[in-house]
Every structure is written in C-alpha cells, then in structure tokens.
Amino acid sequence: MIYPDWTLAACSAIFILTWIALSRLLLKPLLQVLGERRARTSGVFDHAEEYAASFQTLVETYERKIKEEKQVGFKLAEKLRNEALSERQERLRSARDEADSMLNEAKEEIQNELEAARQQLRRESEEIARVISDRVLRVS
C-alpha cells in the first residue's frame, strides 16, 4: 500500500506549478499560433476556391468574346471578299464591253477598208478595161 506523505504533496505542487508555467509560456502561445495558422490556411483555401471560380468565369468570358470577335472578323472578311468579287465582276464586265466596243470598231474599220479597196479595185478594173478596149479598138 502507498502511504501519502509530504513528498507526494510536494511533487503534486511542483507538477501543478510546472503545468501552469508551461501552459502559459508554451502551450497557450503554441495553440494560439496553430489557431492563427489554421485560420490563415483555411481562409487561403476558401479564397483560392473563390479566385478559381472567378478565374474560370473570366476565362469563359474571354473565350466567348474571342469567339464573337472571330465571327465578326469572318463576317467582315466575307463582306470584303464579296465586295472584291463584285468589283472584279464589274471590272471584267467593263473590260468585256470595252473589248467588244474595240472589236466592233475594228470590224467597222475593216469593213470600211474593204469597201474602199473594192471601190479602188472597181476603178482600177474599169481603168484597165478602158485601156484594153482603147488598145483593142485602135488596133483594129
């Protein structure tokens, strides 16, 4: 059996005083630092989730705007392409009209030259016929 004496009380008192001293000097500050650290890290994780959601929203908005701007760019490019094709068609039509006009002028000029050549041949043939008939009549 154990008999309590004054050493048990002294050991108990020393243990209690040591416990109080360690509690105030080490345990409370340590628990306070751990609590602050836990608050900071859990707060950072909460903020990180908020930032991730915010970032995802910004990325989606950015991608949507890029898609819209690409569509606007494609529409503008298509419009410019159609305008260029229209202008090209107009220029081709104008060039064809000009070529047709030049061709008609050339045909008319050739026809006029042909008519002039025929008249000249007719005059020359009449002149030759007159010369031949004069010679034939003089010989006889």
N, C-alpha and C. Protein backbone atom coordinates (compact mmCIF):
# COMPACT_ATOMS: atom_id res chain seq x y z
N MET A 1 0.83 -1.16 0.00
CA MET A 1 0.00 0.00 0.00
C MET A 1 0.88 1.23 0.00
N ILE A 2 0.37 2.29 -0.52
CA ILE A 2 1.14 3.53 -0.61
C ILE A 2 0.65 4.45 0.49
N TYR A 3 1.64 5.02 1.15
CA TYR A 3 1.30 5.96 2.22
C TYR A 3 1.63 7.35 1.75
N PRO A 4 0.63 8.20 1.71
CA PRO A 4 0.91 9.57 1.28
C PRO A 4 1.67 10.30 2.38
N ASP A 5 2.68 10.98 1.99
CA ASP A 5 3.42 11.84 2.90
C ASP A 5 3.64 13.18 2.23
N TRP A 6 4.48 13.98 2.78
CA TRP A 6 4.67 15.35 2.30
C TRP A 6 5.31 15.37 0.92
N THR A 7 6.04 14.32 0.47
CA THR A 7 6.69 14.30 -0.83
C THR A 7 5.65 14.21 -1.96
N LEU A 8 4.56 13.51 -1.65
CA LEU A 8 3.51 13.42 -2.66
C LEU A 8 2.90 14.79 -2.90
N ALA A 9 2.68 15.52 -1.81
CA ALA A 9 2.14 16.86 -1.93
C ALA A 9 3.13 17.77 -2.61
N ALA A 10 4.41 17.64 -2.32
CA ALA A 10 5.43 18.49 -2.95
C ALA A 10 5.52 18.17 -4.42
N CYS A 11 5.52 16.90 -4.79
CA CYS A 11 5.59 16.51 -6.20
C CYS A 11 4.35 16.99 -6.94
N SER A 12 3.21 16.87 -6.27
CA SER A 12 1.98 17.34 -6.90
C SER A 12 2.03 18.84 -7.11
N ALA A 13 2.51 19.58 -6.11
CA ALA A 13 2.61 21.04 -6.22
C ALA A 13 3.58 21.43 -7.31
N ILE A 14 4.72 20.76 -7.41
CA ILE A 14 5.71 21.05 -8.44
C ILE A 14 5.13 20.74 -9.81
N PHE A 15 4.41 19.61 -9.90
CA PHE A 15 3.79 19.25 -11.18
C PHE A 15 2.75 20.29 -11.60
N ILE A 16 1.93 20.72 -10.66
CA ILE A 16 0.89 21.71 -10.98
C ILE A 16 1.52 23.03 -11.36
N LEU A 17 2.53 23.47 -10.64
CA LEU A 17 3.21 24.74 -10.96
C LEU A 17 3.90 24.65 -12.33
N THR A 18 4.54 23.52 -12.55
CA THR A 18 5.20 23.33 -13.85
C THR A 18 4.16 23.32 -14.98
N TRP A 19 3.05 22.65 -14.73
CA TRP A 19 1.98 22.60 -15.73
C TRP A 19 1.44 23.99 -16.03
N ILE A 20 1.20 24.79 -14.99
CA ILE A 20 0.69 26.16 -15.18
C ILE A 20 1.72 26.99 -15.93
N ALA A 21 2.99 26.89 -15.55
CA ALA A 21 4.05 27.67 -16.20
C ALA A 21 4.19 27.27 -17.66
N LEU A 22 4.22 25.98 -17.92
CA LEU A 22 4.35 25.53 -19.31
C LEU A 22 3.11 25.91 -20.12
N SER A 23 1.97 25.83 -19.48
CA SER A 23 0.74 26.18 -20.16
C SER A 23 0.76 27.64 -20.57
N ARG A 24 1.18 28.50 -19.69
CA ARG A 24 1.20 29.94 -20.02
C ARG A 24 2.36 30.30 -20.94
N LEU A 25 3.49 29.70 -20.76
CA LEU A 25 4.66 30.07 -21.54
C LEU A 25 4.73 29.35 -22.90
N LEU A 26 4.31 28.11 -22.94
CA LEU A 26 4.47 27.35 -24.18
C LEU A 26 3.15 26.96 -24.85
N LEU A 27 2.27 26.36 -24.09
CA LEU A 27 1.08 25.79 -24.70
C LEU A 27 0.12 26.84 -25.26
N LYS A 28 -0.17 27.89 -24.48
CA LYS A 28 -1.09 28.92 -24.97
C LYS A 28 -0.54 29.60 -26.22
N PRO A 29 0.72 30.09 -26.23
CA PRO A 29 1.24 30.70 -27.46
C PRO A 29 1.28 29.71 -28.63
N LEU A 30 1.65 28.45 -28.32
CA LEU A 30 1.70 27.46 -29.39
C LEU A 30 0.31 27.19 -29.95
N LEU A 31 -0.67 27.04 -29.10
CA LEU A 31 -2.04 26.82 -29.55
C LEU A 31 -2.58 28.05 -30.29
N GLN A 32 -2.17 29.23 -29.82
CA GLN A 32 -2.60 30.47 -30.50
C GLN A 32 -1.99 30.54 -31.90
N VAL A 33 -0.70 30.23 -32.03
CA VAL A 33 -0.04 30.25 -33.34
C VAL A 33 -0.66 29.20 -34.26
N LEU A 34 -0.91 28.00 -33.73
CA LEU A 34 -1.55 26.96 -34.54
C LEU A 34 -2.95 27.38 -34.97
N GLY A 35 -3.70 28.03 -34.10
CA GLY A 35 -5.04 28.51 -34.47
C GLY A 35 -4.97 29.56 -35.56
N GLU A 36 -4.02 30.49 -35.43
CA GLU A 36 -3.86 31.52 -36.47
C GLU A 36 -3.46 30.88 -37.79
N ARG A 37 -2.55 29.93 -37.73
CA ARG A 37 -2.11 29.25 -38.95
C ARG A 37 -3.28 28.52 -39.61
N ARG A 38 -4.07 27.84 -38.79
CA ARG A 38 -5.23 27.13 -39.32
C ARG A 38 -6.21 28.12 -39.95
N ALA A 39 -6.43 29.26 -39.29
CA ALA A 39 -7.35 30.27 -39.83
C ALA A 39 -6.81 30.82 -41.15
N ARG A 40 -5.51 31.05 -41.20
CA ARG A 40 -4.92 31.58 -42.44
C ARG A 40 -4.99 30.57 -43.57
N THR A 41 -4.64 29.33 -43.29
CA THR A 41 -4.62 28.34 -44.37
C THR A 41 -6.02 28.01 -44.83
N SER A 42 -6.95 27.84 -43.91
CA SER A 42 -8.32 27.55 -44.35
C SER A 42 -8.90 28.76 -45.05
N GLY A 43 -8.57 29.97 -44.62
CA GLY A 43 -9.01 31.19 -45.30
C GLY A 43 -8.42 31.29 -46.69
N VAL A 44 -7.14 30.89 -46.82
CA VAL A 44 -6.50 30.94 -48.13
C VAL A 44 -7.16 29.93 -49.05
N PHE A 45 -7.48 28.74 -48.53
CA PHE A 45 -8.15 27.75 -49.37
C PHE A 45 -9.53 28.24 -49.79
N ASP A 46 -10.24 28.89 -48.89
CA ASP A 46 -11.55 29.45 -49.26
C ASP A 46 -11.39 30.51 -50.34
N HIS A 47 -10.41 31.39 -50.13
CA HIS A 47 -10.16 32.44 -51.13
C HIS A 47 -9.68 31.83 -52.44
N ALA A 48 -8.88 30.78 -52.35
CA ALA A 48 -8.39 30.14 -53.57
C ALA A 48 -9.55 29.57 -54.37
N GLU A 49 -10.52 28.98 -53.71
CA GLU A 49 -11.69 28.48 -54.43
C GLU A 49 -12.47 29.62 -55.06
N GLU A 50 -12.61 30.72 -54.33
CA GLU A 50 -13.30 31.89 -54.89
C GLU A 50 -12.54 32.43 -56.10
N TYR A 51 -11.20 32.51 -55.95
CA TYR A 51 -10.38 33.01 -57.06
C TYR A 51 -10.46 32.06 -58.25
N ALA A 52 -10.48 30.77 -57.99
CA ALA A 52 -10.56 29.80 -59.09
C ALA A 52 -11.90 29.95 -59.82
N ALA A 53 -12.98 30.12 -59.08
CA ALA A 53 -14.29 30.31 -59.71
C ALA A 53 -14.30 31.62 -60.50
N SER A 54 -13.73 32.66 -59.92
CA SER A 54 -13.66 33.95 -60.60
C SER A 54 -12.81 33.84 -61.87
N PHE A 55 -11.69 33.15 -61.75
CA PHE A 55 -10.80 32.95 -62.90
C PHE A 55 -11.51 32.17 -64.00
N GLN A 56 -12.24 31.12 -63.61
CA GLN A 56 -12.96 30.32 -64.60
C GLN A 56 -14.01 31.16 -65.32
N THR A 57 -14.68 32.02 -64.58
CA THR A 57 -15.67 32.92 -65.19
C THR A 57 -15.00 33.87 -66.18
N LEU A 58 -13.84 34.41 -65.78
CA LEU A 58 -13.11 35.31 -66.68
C LEU A 58 -12.65 34.58 -67.93
N VAL A 59 -12.17 33.35 -67.77
CA VAL A 59 -11.71 32.58 -68.93
C VAL A 59 -12.88 32.31 -69.88
N GLU A 60 -14.03 31.94 -69.33
CA GLU A 60 -15.20 31.68 -70.17
C GLU A 60 -15.64 32.94 -70.90
N THR A 61 -15.63 34.07 -70.17
CA THR A 61 -15.98 35.35 -70.80
C THR A 61 -15.00 35.69 -71.91
N TYR A 62 -13.72 35.50 -71.63
CA TYR A 62 -12.67 35.79 -72.61
C TYR A 62 -12.85 34.92 -73.86
N GLU A 63 -13.08 33.62 -73.65
CA GLU A 63 -13.26 32.71 -74.79
C GLU A 63 -14.51 33.07 -75.58
N ARG A 64 -15.58 33.44 -74.90
CA ARG A 64 -16.81 33.83 -75.59
C ARG A 64 -16.58 35.08 -76.42
N LYS A 65 -15.87 36.05 -75.83
CA LYS A 65 -15.59 37.29 -76.58
C LYS A 65 -14.69 37.01 -77.78
N ILE A 66 -13.71 36.14 -77.59
CA ILE A 66 -12.83 35.79 -78.72
C ILE A 66 -13.65 35.15 -79.83
N LYS A 67 -14.56 34.25 -79.45
CA LYS A 67 -15.40 33.59 -80.45
C LYS A 67 -16.26 34.61 -81.19
N GLU A 68 -16.85 35.54 -80.44
CA GLU A 68 -17.69 36.57 -81.05
C GLU A 68 -16.86 37.44 -81.99
N GLU A 69 -15.66 37.83 -81.55
CA GLU A 69 -14.82 38.68 -82.39
C GLU A 69 -14.35 37.93 -83.64
N LYS A 70 -14.09 36.64 -83.49
CA LYS A 70 -13.73 35.86 -84.68
C LYS A 70 -14.88 35.83 -85.67
N GLN A 71 -16.10 35.68 -85.16
CA GLN A 71 -17.25 35.66 -86.05
C GLN A 71 -17.40 37.02 -86.74
N VAL A 72 -17.20 38.09 -85.99
CA VAL A 72 -17.27 39.42 -86.59
C VAL A 72 -16.18 39.56 -87.66
N GLY A 73 -14.97 39.06 -87.34
CA GLY A 73 -13.88 39.11 -88.31
C GLY A 73 -14.19 38.31 -89.56
N PHE A 74 -14.76 37.10 -89.37
CA PHE A 74 -15.12 36.29 -90.53
C PHE A 74 -16.19 36.97 -91.36
N LYS A 75 -17.17 37.58 -90.70
CA LYS A 75 -18.22 38.28 -91.44
C LYS A 75 -17.64 39.45 -92.22
N LEU A 76 -16.73 40.19 -91.58
CA LEU A 76 -16.10 41.32 -92.26
C LEU A 76 -15.27 40.83 -93.44
N ALA A 77 -14.51 39.75 -93.23
CA ALA A 77 -13.70 39.20 -94.32
C ALA A 77 -14.60 38.74 -95.47
N GLU A 78 -15.71 38.10 -95.13
CA GLU A 78 -16.65 37.65 -96.16
C GLU A 78 -17.25 38.83 -96.91
N LYS A 79 -17.58 39.88 -96.16
CA LYS A 79 -18.13 41.09 -96.80
C LYS A 79 -17.11 41.71 -97.74
N LEU A 80 -15.85 41.83 -97.27
CA LEU A 80 -14.81 42.40 -98.12
C LEU A 80 -14.55 41.51 -99.34
N ARG A 81 -14.60 40.20 -99.14
CA ARG A 81 -14.40 39.27 -100.24
C ARG A 81 -15.52 39.44 -101.27
N ASN A 82 -16.75 39.54 -100.79
CA ASN A 82 -17.88 39.72 -101.71
C ASN A 82 -17.77 41.04 -102.45
N GLU A 83 -17.36 42.09 -101.74
CA GLU A 83 -17.19 43.39 -102.40
C GLU A 83 -16.10 43.31 -103.45
N ALA A 84 -14.99 42.61 -103.11
CA ALA A 84 -13.90 42.47 -104.08
C ALA A 84 -14.36 41.67 -105.29
N LEU A 85 -15.10 40.60 -105.05
CA LEU A 85 -15.62 39.81 -106.18
C LEU A 85 -16.58 40.63 -107.04
N SER A 86 -17.40 41.43 -106.38
CA SER A 86 -18.34 42.28 -107.11
C SER A 86 -17.57 43.30 -107.96
N GLU A 87 -16.56 43.89 -107.35
CA GLU A 87 -15.75 44.87 -108.08
C GLU A 87 -15.03 44.19 -109.24
N ARG A 88 -14.54 42.97 -109.01
CA ARG A 88 -13.86 42.22 -110.06
C ARG A 88 -14.83 41.94 -111.21
N GLN A 89 -16.05 41.51 -110.87
CA GLN A 89 -17.05 41.24 -111.90
C GLN A 89 -17.36 42.52 -112.69
N GLU A 90 -17.46 43.62 -111.97
CA GLU A 90 -17.74 44.90 -112.64
C GLU A 90 -16.60 45.27 -113.59
N ARG A 91 -15.37 45.09 -113.11
CA ARG A 91 -14.22 45.41 -113.97
C ARG A 91 -14.17 44.47 -115.19
N LEU A 92 -14.46 43.19 -114.96
CA LEU A 92 -14.47 42.25 -116.09
C LEU A 92 -15.55 42.63 -117.10
N ARG A 93 -16.73 42.99 -116.60
CA ARG A 93 -17.80 43.40 -117.50
C ARG A 93 -17.39 44.65 -118.27
N SER A 94 -16.79 45.59 -117.55
CA SER A 94 -16.33 46.82 -118.20
C SER A 94 -15.28 46.51 -119.26
N ALA A 95 -14.34 45.62 -118.92
CA ALA A 95 -13.29 45.25 -119.88
C ALA A 95 -13.89 44.54 -121.08
N ARG A 96 -14.86 43.66 -120.84
CA ARG A 96 -15.52 42.96 -121.96
C ARG A 96 -16.26 43.95 -122.85
N ASP A 97 -16.96 44.88 -122.22
CA ASP A 97 -17.67 45.89 -123.01
C ASP A 97 -16.69 46.70 -123.84
N GLU A 98 -15.57 47.07 -123.23
CA GLU A 98 -14.56 47.85 -123.95
C GLU A 98 -13.97 47.02 -125.09
N ALA A 99 -13.70 45.71 -124.80
CA ALA A 99 -13.16 44.84 -125.85
C ALA A 99 -14.17 44.67 -126.97
N ASP A 100 -15.45 44.49 -126.62
CA ASP A 100 -16.48 44.38 -127.65
C ASP A 100 -16.56 45.65 -128.48
N SER A 101 -16.46 46.78 -127.79
CA SER A 101 -16.50 48.06 -128.50
C SER A 101 -15.32 48.18 -129.45
N MET A 102 -14.13 47.80 -128.94
CA MET A 102 -12.94 47.87 -129.80
C MET A 102 -13.06 46.90 -130.97
N LEU A 103 -13.63 45.71 -130.70
CA LEU A 103 -13.80 44.72 -131.75
C LEU A 103 -14.78 45.24 -132.82
N ASN A 104 -15.88 45.83 -132.37
CA ASN A 104 -16.85 46.39 -133.32
C ASN A 104 -16.23 47.51 -134.13
N GLU A 105 -15.44 48.36 -133.48
CA GLU A 105 -14.76 49.44 -134.22
C GLU A 105 -13.79 48.87 -135.24
N ALA A 106 -13.05 47.81 -134.81
CA ALA A 106 -12.09 47.19 -135.73
C ALA A 106 -12.83 46.56 -136.91
N LYS A 107 -13.96 45.87 -136.63
CA LYS A 107 -14.75 45.27 -137.71
C LYS A 107 -15.25 46.35 -138.65
N GLU A 108 -15.73 47.45 -138.08
CA GLU A 108 -16.24 48.54 -138.91
C GLU A 108 -15.12 49.15 -139.75
N GLU A 109 -13.95 49.30 -139.11
CA GLU A 109 -12.81 49.86 -139.84
C GLU A 109 -12.39 48.92 -140.97
N ILE A 110 -12.38 47.61 -140.66
CA ILE A 110 -12.02 46.62 -141.70
C ILE A 110 -13.06 46.66 -142.82
N GLN A 111 -14.35 46.75 -142.45
CA GLN A 111 -15.41 46.81 -143.46
C GLN A 111 -15.23 48.05 -144.33
N ASN A 112 -14.91 49.21 -143.68
CA ASN A 112 -14.69 50.44 -144.45
C ASN A 112 -13.49 50.29 -145.37
N GLU A 113 -12.42 49.68 -144.86
CA GLU A 113 -11.23 49.49 -145.69
C GLU A 113 -11.53 48.52 -146.84
N LEU A 114 -12.32 47.49 -146.52
CA LEU A 114 -12.70 46.53 -147.55
C LEU A 114 -13.52 47.22 -148.64
N GLU A 115 -14.47 48.03 -148.23
CA GLU A 115 -15.29 48.77 -149.21
C GLU A 115 -14.43 49.72 -150.03
N ALA A 116 -13.49 50.39 -149.35
CA ALA A 116 -12.59 51.30 -150.08
C ALA A 116 -11.73 50.52 -151.06
N ALA A 117 -11.25 49.33 -150.62
CA ALA A 117 -10.42 48.51 -151.52
C ALA A 117 -11.25 48.03 -152.70
N ARG A 118 -12.52 47.65 -152.49
CA ARG A 118 -13.39 47.23 -153.59
C ARG A 118 -13.61 48.37 -154.58
N GLN A 119 -13.87 49.54 -154.06
CA GLN A 119 -14.09 50.68 -154.95
C GLN A 119 -12.83 50.98 -155.74
N GLN A 120 -11.69 50.88 -155.06
CA GLN A 120 -10.43 51.15 -155.76
C GLN A 120 -10.21 50.08 -156.83
N LEU A 121 -10.48 48.80 -156.48
CA LEU A 121 -10.35 47.73 -157.48
C LEU A 121 -11.32 47.94 -158.63
N ARG A 122 -12.53 48.38 -158.31
CA ARG A 122 -13.52 48.62 -159.37
C ARG A 122 -13.01 49.72 -160.30
N ARG A 123 -12.49 50.80 -159.72
CA ARG A 123 -11.97 51.88 -160.56
C ARG A 123 -10.78 51.43 -161.39
N GLU A 124 -9.90 50.64 -160.71
CA GLU A 124 -8.72 50.17 -161.44
C GLU A 124 -9.13 49.19 -162.55
N SER A 125 -10.11 48.32 -162.20
CA SER A 125 -10.55 47.37 -163.24
C SER A 125 -11.25 48.12 -164.38
N GLU A 126 -12.01 49.15 -164.08
CA GLU A 126 -12.63 49.95 -165.15
C GLU A 126 -11.57 50.66 -165.98
N GLU A 127 -10.55 51.14 -165.28
CA GLU A 127 -9.45 51.82 -165.99
C GLU A 127 -8.72 50.84 -166.88
N ILE A 128 -8.46 49.64 -166.35
CA ILE A 128 -7.77 48.61 -167.15
C ILE A 128 -8.66 48.19 -168.32
N ALA A 129 -9.96 48.06 -168.05
CA ALA A 129 -10.88 47.67 -169.13
C ALA A 129 -10.91 48.76 -170.20
N ARG A 130 -10.92 50.02 -169.81
CA ARG A 130 -10.92 51.11 -170.78
C ARG A 130 -9.61 51.11 -171.58
N VAL A 131 -8.51 50.88 -170.86
CA VAL A 131 -7.22 50.86 -171.57
C VAL A 131 -7.19 49.71 -172.56
N ILE A 132 -7.67 48.53 -172.13
CA ILE A 132 -7.69 47.38 -173.02
C ILE A 132 -8.62 47.64 -174.21
N SER A 133 -9.80 48.19 -173.94
CA SER A 133 -10.73 48.44 -175.05
C SER A 133 -10.17 49.50 -176.00
N ASP A 134 -9.48 50.50 -175.45
CA ASP A 134 -8.87 51.50 -176.34
C ASP A 134 -7.78 50.85 -177.21
N ARG A 135 -7.02 49.99 -176.66
CA ARG A 135 -5.96 49.34 -177.42
C ARG A 135 -6.56 48.37 -178.47
N VAL A 136 -7.61 47.68 -178.05
CA VAL A 136 -8.22 46.74 -178.98
C VAL A 136 -8.86 47.56 -180.13
N LEU A 137 -9.51 48.62 -179.80
CA LEU A 137 -10.16 49.43 -180.84
C LEU A 137 -9.13 50.13 -181.72
N ARG A 138 -8.03 50.51 -181.24
CA ARG A 138 -7.01 51.18 -182.05
C ARG A 138 -6.34 50.19 -182.97
N VAL A 139 -6.18 49.00 -182.54
CA VAL A 139 -5.50 48.00 -183.37
C VAL A 139 -6.43 47.63 -184.53
N SER A 140 -7.65 47.64 -184.34
CA SER A 140 -8.49 47.17 -185.40
C SER A 140 -8.80 48.19 -186.39
